[in-house]
Amino acid sequence: MGLSIAEFMTRCFGIIYRCSYDEYDGSNMKKVRLTKHALQQSLERGASIDEIEISISLGSSEPVKKGRSMYRYNFDYNALWQGKHYLIKQVCPIVAEENDEFVVITVFTYYF
């Protein structure tokens, strides 16, 4: 029997999923596409695709260089990251918004 993406990410990367996303269902949002670089950085920095989508949908937004936007969203984490315990993980995708999709250029994560 295969693992869900959430189970896989939890087992491999220690990502803990918050259970209170009642306001997020993803149905009214543009498609989210990650560049190869963004996908690589999200894996290295511990951010899941679900967390990236939620950050874009529910997070605060601020303008950054080249007409792009950075979205920020804090997730309950309460786990170890690189040997240190953190309560919060902040996921910050850098996004170029196009007519029909959000293109994620890179992803930053901050642990508190």
N, C-alpha and C. Protein backbone atom coordinates (compact mmCIF):
# COMPACT_ATOMS: atom_id res chain seq x y z
N MET A 1 0.85 -1.18 0.00
CA MET A 1 0.00 0.00 0.00
C MET A 1 0.89 1.24 0.00
N GLY A 2 0.61 2.22 -0.88
CA GLY A 2 1.41 3.43 -1.00
C GLY A 2 1.11 4.44 0.08
N LEU A 3 2.04 5.34 0.27
CA LEU A 3 1.88 6.42 1.23
C LEU A 3 1.29 7.65 0.56
N SER A 4 0.51 8.40 1.29
CA SER A 4 0.06 9.69 0.78
C SER A 4 1.26 10.64 0.78
N ILE A 5 1.13 11.75 0.06
CA ILE A 5 2.22 12.74 0.05
C ILE A 5 2.50 13.23 1.46
N ALA A 6 1.45 13.49 2.23
CA ALA A 6 1.63 13.97 3.60
C ALA A 6 2.39 12.94 4.44
N GLU A 7 2.03 11.67 4.33
CA GLU A 7 2.72 10.63 5.09
C GLU A 7 4.17 10.50 4.66
N PHE A 8 4.41 10.56 3.35
CA PHE A 8 5.77 10.46 2.83
C PHE A 8 6.63 11.61 3.35
N MET A 9 6.12 12.85 3.24
CA MET A 9 6.88 14.00 3.68
C MET A 9 7.13 13.96 5.18
N THR A 10 6.14 13.49 5.94
CA THR A 10 6.30 13.40 7.39
C THR A 10 7.39 12.38 7.74
N ARG A 11 7.37 11.22 7.09
CA ARG A 11 8.36 10.19 7.39
C ARG A 11 9.75 10.57 6.92
N CYS A 12 9.86 11.16 5.74
CA CYS A 12 11.18 11.45 5.17
C CYS A 12 11.79 12.75 5.66
N PHE A 13 10.96 13.77 5.89
CA PHE A 13 11.50 15.08 6.18
C PHE A 13 11.05 15.63 7.53
N GLY A 14 10.25 14.89 8.27
CA GLY A 14 9.81 15.35 9.58
C GLY A 14 8.80 16.48 9.53
N ILE A 15 8.12 16.65 8.39
CA ILE A 15 7.15 17.73 8.26
C ILE A 15 5.86 17.32 8.95
N ILE A 16 5.40 18.15 9.84
CA ILE A 16 4.16 17.89 10.57
C ILE A 16 3.08 18.79 9.98
N TYR A 17 1.96 18.22 9.64
CA TYR A 17 0.88 18.97 9.01
C TYR A 17 -0.09 19.48 10.04
N ARG A 18 -0.42 20.75 9.91
CA ARG A 18 -1.40 21.39 10.76
C ARG A 18 -2.79 20.94 10.32
N CYS A 19 -3.68 20.74 11.25
CA CYS A 19 -4.98 20.16 10.94
C CYS A 19 -6.10 21.18 10.87
N SER A 20 -5.81 22.45 10.84
CA SER A 20 -6.87 23.45 10.91
C SER A 20 -6.92 24.32 9.66
N TYR A 21 -6.99 23.70 8.51
CA TYR A 21 -7.06 24.43 7.25
C TYR A 21 -8.49 24.47 6.73
N ASP A 22 -9.45 24.64 7.60
CA ASP A 22 -10.85 24.62 7.20
C ASP A 22 -11.15 25.65 6.12
N GLU A 23 -10.48 26.81 6.18
CA GLU A 23 -10.76 27.86 5.21
C GLU A 23 -10.06 27.62 3.87
N TYR A 24 -9.20 26.62 3.78
CA TYR A 24 -8.46 26.35 2.55
C TYR A 24 -8.94 25.05 1.91
N ASP A 25 -9.42 25.15 0.66
CA ASP A 25 -9.71 23.93 -0.07
C ASP A 25 -9.06 23.93 -1.45
N GLY A 26 -8.42 25.05 -1.81
CA GLY A 26 -7.68 25.12 -3.06
C GLY A 26 -8.53 25.23 -4.31
N SER A 27 -9.85 25.17 -4.19
CA SER A 27 -10.71 25.12 -5.36
C SER A 27 -10.84 26.46 -6.08
N ASN A 28 -10.66 27.56 -5.36
CA ASN A 28 -10.84 28.87 -5.98
C ASN A 28 -9.51 29.55 -6.28
N MET A 29 -8.45 28.78 -6.39
CA MET A 29 -7.13 29.34 -6.59
C MET A 29 -6.59 28.97 -7.96
N LYS A 30 -5.76 29.85 -8.50
CA LYS A 30 -5.07 29.52 -9.74
C LYS A 30 -4.16 28.33 -9.53
N LYS A 31 -3.84 27.66 -10.62
CA LYS A 31 -2.89 26.56 -10.58
C LYS A 31 -1.54 27.07 -10.06
N VAL A 32 -0.84 26.26 -9.27
CA VAL A 32 0.48 26.59 -8.77
C VAL A 32 1.49 25.68 -9.46
N ARG A 33 2.49 26.30 -10.10
CA ARG A 33 3.54 25.54 -10.78
C ARG A 33 4.88 25.92 -10.16
N LEU A 34 5.66 24.92 -9.78
CA LEU A 34 6.98 25.15 -9.22
C LEU A 34 8.04 24.98 -10.32
N THR A 35 8.98 25.91 -10.38
CA THR A 35 10.12 25.72 -11.27
C THR A 35 10.98 24.59 -10.70
N LYS A 36 11.87 24.08 -11.50
CA LYS A 36 12.78 23.03 -11.03
C LYS A 36 13.57 23.51 -9.81
N HIS A 37 14.03 24.76 -9.88
CA HIS A 37 14.77 25.33 -8.75
C HIS A 37 13.91 25.39 -7.49
N ALA A 38 12.67 25.85 -7.63
CA ALA A 38 11.77 25.95 -6.47
C ALA A 38 11.50 24.58 -5.85
N LEU A 39 11.30 23.58 -6.69
CA LEU A 39 11.07 22.22 -6.18
C LEU A 39 12.29 21.73 -5.40
N GLN A 40 13.46 21.94 -5.96
CA GLN A 40 14.70 21.53 -5.28
C GLN A 40 14.86 22.26 -3.95
N GLN A 41 14.64 23.57 -3.94
CA GLN A 41 14.78 24.35 -2.72
C GLN A 41 13.73 23.97 -1.68
N SER A 42 12.52 23.67 -2.12
CA SER A 42 11.48 23.28 -1.15
C SER A 42 11.85 21.98 -0.46
N LEU A 43 12.43 21.05 -1.19
CA LEU A 43 12.86 19.79 -0.57
C LEU A 43 14.02 20.02 0.39
N GLU A 44 15.00 20.82 -0.02
CA GLU A 44 16.16 21.09 0.84
C GLU A 44 15.78 21.87 2.08
N ARG A 45 14.77 22.71 1.97
CA ARG A 45 14.40 23.60 3.08
C ARG A 45 13.19 23.12 3.87
N GLY A 46 12.64 21.97 3.50
CA GLY A 46 11.59 21.36 4.31
C GLY A 46 10.19 21.87 4.10
N ALA A 47 9.88 22.40 2.93
CA ALA A 47 8.52 22.89 2.65
C ALA A 47 7.83 21.95 1.68
N SER A 48 6.62 21.55 1.99
CA SER A 48 5.86 20.67 1.11
C SER A 48 5.10 21.49 0.07
N ILE A 49 4.66 20.85 -0.98
CA ILE A 49 3.85 21.52 -1.99
C ILE A 49 2.55 22.02 -1.38
N ASP A 50 1.94 21.23 -0.52
CA ASP A 50 0.71 21.68 0.16
C ASP A 50 0.97 22.96 0.96
N GLU A 51 2.09 23.01 1.67
CA GLU A 51 2.41 24.19 2.46
C GLU A 51 2.64 25.41 1.57
N ILE A 52 3.25 25.20 0.41
CA ILE A 52 3.47 26.29 -0.53
C ILE A 52 2.12 26.82 -1.03
N GLU A 53 1.23 25.92 -1.42
CA GLU A 53 -0.10 26.34 -1.89
C GLU A 53 -0.88 27.08 -0.81
N ILE A 54 -0.82 26.58 0.41
CA ILE A 54 -1.52 27.22 1.52
C ILE A 54 -0.93 28.59 1.80
N SER A 55 0.38 28.71 1.73
CA SER A 55 1.04 30.00 1.94
C SER A 55 0.58 31.03 0.92
N ILE A 56 0.46 30.61 -0.33
CA ILE A 56 0.00 31.51 -1.38
C ILE A 56 -1.47 31.88 -1.16
N SER A 57 -2.28 30.92 -0.77
CA SER A 57 -3.71 31.15 -0.61
C SER A 57 -4.06 31.95 0.65
N LEU A 58 -3.41 31.64 1.76
CA LEU A 58 -3.81 32.21 3.05
C LEU A 58 -2.80 33.18 3.64
N GLY A 59 -1.58 33.19 3.12
CA GLY A 59 -0.52 33.99 3.72
C GLY A 59 -0.60 35.46 3.36
N SER A 60 0.18 36.24 4.10
CA SER A 60 0.32 37.65 3.77
C SER A 60 1.23 37.79 2.56
N SER A 61 1.05 38.85 1.81
CA SER A 61 1.80 39.06 0.58
C SER A 61 2.54 40.39 0.64
N GLU A 62 3.74 40.40 0.09
CA GLU A 62 4.48 41.65 -0.03
C GLU A 62 5.24 41.64 -1.35
N PRO A 63 5.36 42.81 -1.98
CA PRO A 63 6.09 42.87 -3.26
C PRO A 63 7.58 42.68 -3.05
N VAL A 64 8.22 42.01 -4.00
CA VAL A 64 9.67 41.84 -4.01
C VAL A 64 10.18 42.21 -5.40
N LYS A 65 11.42 41.96 -5.68
CA LYS A 65 12.04 42.36 -6.95
C LYS A 65 11.33 41.77 -8.17
N LYS A 66 11.50 42.46 -9.28
CA LYS A 66 11.05 42.02 -10.60
C LYS A 66 9.54 41.82 -10.69
N GLY A 67 8.77 42.55 -9.89
CA GLY A 67 7.31 42.45 -9.95
C GLY A 67 6.75 41.18 -9.33
N ARG A 68 7.55 40.48 -8.60
CA ARG A 68 7.10 39.23 -7.95
C ARG A 68 6.55 39.53 -6.57
N SER A 69 5.95 38.50 -5.98
CA SER A 69 5.41 38.62 -4.62
C SER A 69 5.99 37.53 -3.75
N MET A 70 6.18 37.87 -2.47
CA MET A 70 6.55 36.87 -1.48
C MET A 70 5.36 36.70 -0.55
N TYR A 71 4.95 35.46 -0.36
CA TYR A 71 3.87 35.13 0.54
C TYR A 71 4.47 34.52 1.80
N ARG A 72 3.89 34.81 2.95
CA ARG A 72 4.36 34.26 4.24
C ARG A 72 3.19 33.61 4.97
N TYR A 73 3.46 32.43 5.48
CA TYR A 73 2.44 31.78 6.31
C TYR A 73 3.15 30.95 7.37
N ASN A 74 2.69 31.07 8.62
CA ASN A 74 3.28 30.32 9.73
C ASN A 74 2.50 29.04 9.98
N PHE A 75 3.21 27.94 10.07
CA PHE A 75 2.63 26.63 10.35
C PHE A 75 3.06 26.17 11.73
N ASP A 76 2.16 25.55 12.47
CA ASP A 76 2.55 24.87 13.70
C ASP A 76 3.51 23.76 13.29
N TYR A 77 4.63 23.65 13.96
CA TYR A 77 5.64 22.67 13.57
C TYR A 77 5.94 21.71 14.72
N ASN A 78 6.43 22.23 15.83
CA ASN A 78 6.70 21.44 17.03
C ASN A 78 7.47 20.16 16.72
N ALA A 79 8.59 20.31 16.04
CA ALA A 79 9.39 19.15 15.64
C ALA A 79 10.85 19.57 15.48
N LEU A 80 11.67 18.58 15.19
CA LEU A 80 13.09 18.84 14.95
C LEU A 80 13.34 19.19 13.50
N TRP A 81 14.22 20.16 13.29
CA TRP A 81 14.75 20.47 11.96
C TRP A 81 16.25 20.61 12.12
N GLN A 82 16.98 19.79 11.43
CA GLN A 82 18.44 19.77 11.49
C GLN A 82 18.95 19.73 12.92
N GLY A 83 18.32 18.86 13.72
CA GLY A 83 18.77 18.60 15.08
C GLY A 83 18.33 19.59 16.14
N LYS A 84 17.53 20.57 15.78
CA LYS A 84 17.05 21.55 16.75
C LYS A 84 15.52 21.59 16.73
N HIS A 85 14.93 21.77 17.91
CA HIS A 85 13.47 21.78 18.03
C HIS A 85 12.92 23.17 17.75
N TYR A 86 11.86 23.22 16.93
CA TYR A 86 11.18 24.47 16.59
C TYR A 86 9.68 24.30 16.74
N LEU A 87 9.00 25.36 17.15
CA LEU A 87 7.55 25.33 17.29
C LEU A 87 6.83 25.79 16.02
N ILE A 88 7.45 26.71 15.28
CA ILE A 88 6.81 27.32 14.11
C ILE A 88 7.71 27.15 12.89
N LYS A 89 7.09 26.88 11.75
CA LYS A 89 7.79 26.91 10.47
C LYS A 89 7.08 27.92 9.59
N GLN A 90 7.83 28.89 9.09
CA GLN A 90 7.28 29.89 8.18
C GLN A 90 7.71 29.54 6.76
N VAL A 91 6.74 29.40 5.88
CA VAL A 91 7.00 29.06 4.49
C VAL A 91 6.77 30.32 3.65
N CYS A 92 7.77 30.66 2.82
CA CYS A 92 7.74 31.91 2.04
C CYS A 92 8.07 31.64 0.58
N PRO A 93 7.07 31.31 -0.23
CA PRO A 93 7.34 31.17 -1.66
C PRO A 93 7.47 32.53 -2.34
N ILE A 94 8.40 32.63 -3.28
CA ILE A 94 8.54 33.80 -4.14
C ILE A 94 7.84 33.45 -5.44
N VAL A 95 6.87 34.29 -5.84
CA VAL A 95 5.92 33.92 -6.89
C VAL A 95 5.83 34.99 -7.97
N ALA A 96 5.83 34.53 -9.22
CA ALA A 96 5.49 35.38 -10.36
C ALA A 96 4.06 35.01 -10.74
N GLU A 97 3.14 35.97 -10.62
CA GLU A 97 1.74 35.68 -10.94
C GLU A 97 1.49 35.92 -12.41
N GLU A 98 0.98 34.91 -13.08
CA GLU A 98 0.61 35.01 -14.48
C GLU A 98 -0.92 34.96 -14.58
N ASN A 99 -1.45 35.13 -15.77
CA ASN A 99 -2.91 35.17 -15.95
C ASN A 99 -3.61 33.93 -15.42
N ASP A 100 -3.03 32.76 -15.67
CA ASP A 100 -3.72 31.52 -15.32
C ASP A 100 -3.02 30.67 -14.27
N GLU A 101 -1.89 31.15 -13.74
CA GLU A 101 -1.17 30.33 -12.75
C GLU A 101 -0.23 31.19 -11.92
N PHE A 102 0.16 30.63 -10.77
CA PHE A 102 1.23 31.17 -9.95
C PHE A 102 2.47 30.36 -10.25
N VAL A 103 3.55 31.01 -10.62
CA VAL A 103 4.81 30.31 -10.88
C VAL A 103 5.72 30.57 -9.69
N VAL A 104 6.05 29.50 -8.96
CA VAL A 104 6.90 29.62 -7.78
C VAL A 104 8.35 29.57 -8.25
N ILE A 105 9.07 30.66 -7.99
CA ILE A 105 10.45 30.80 -8.43
C ILE A 105 11.41 30.15 -7.44
N THR A 106 11.19 30.38 -6.16
CA THR A 106 11.98 29.74 -5.11
C THR A 106 11.15 29.73 -3.83
N VAL A 107 11.65 29.04 -2.83
CA VAL A 107 10.94 28.92 -1.55
C VAL A 107 11.94 29.09 -0.42
N PHE A 108 11.60 29.96 0.52
CA PHE A 108 12.39 30.11 1.74
C PHE A 108 11.58 29.54 2.91
N THR A 109 12.27 29.00 3.87
CA THR A 109 11.60 28.57 5.11
C THR A 109 12.39 29.12 6.28
N TYR A 110 11.66 29.49 7.30
CA TYR A 110 12.26 30.00 8.53
C TYR A 110 11.66 29.21 9.68
N TYR A 111 12.50 28.84 10.61
CA TYR A 111 12.06 28.03 11.75
C TYR A 111 12.25 28.86 13.02
N PHE A 112 11.21 28.89 13.87
CA PHE A 112 11.24 29.65 15.13
C PHE A 112 10.89 28.74 16.28
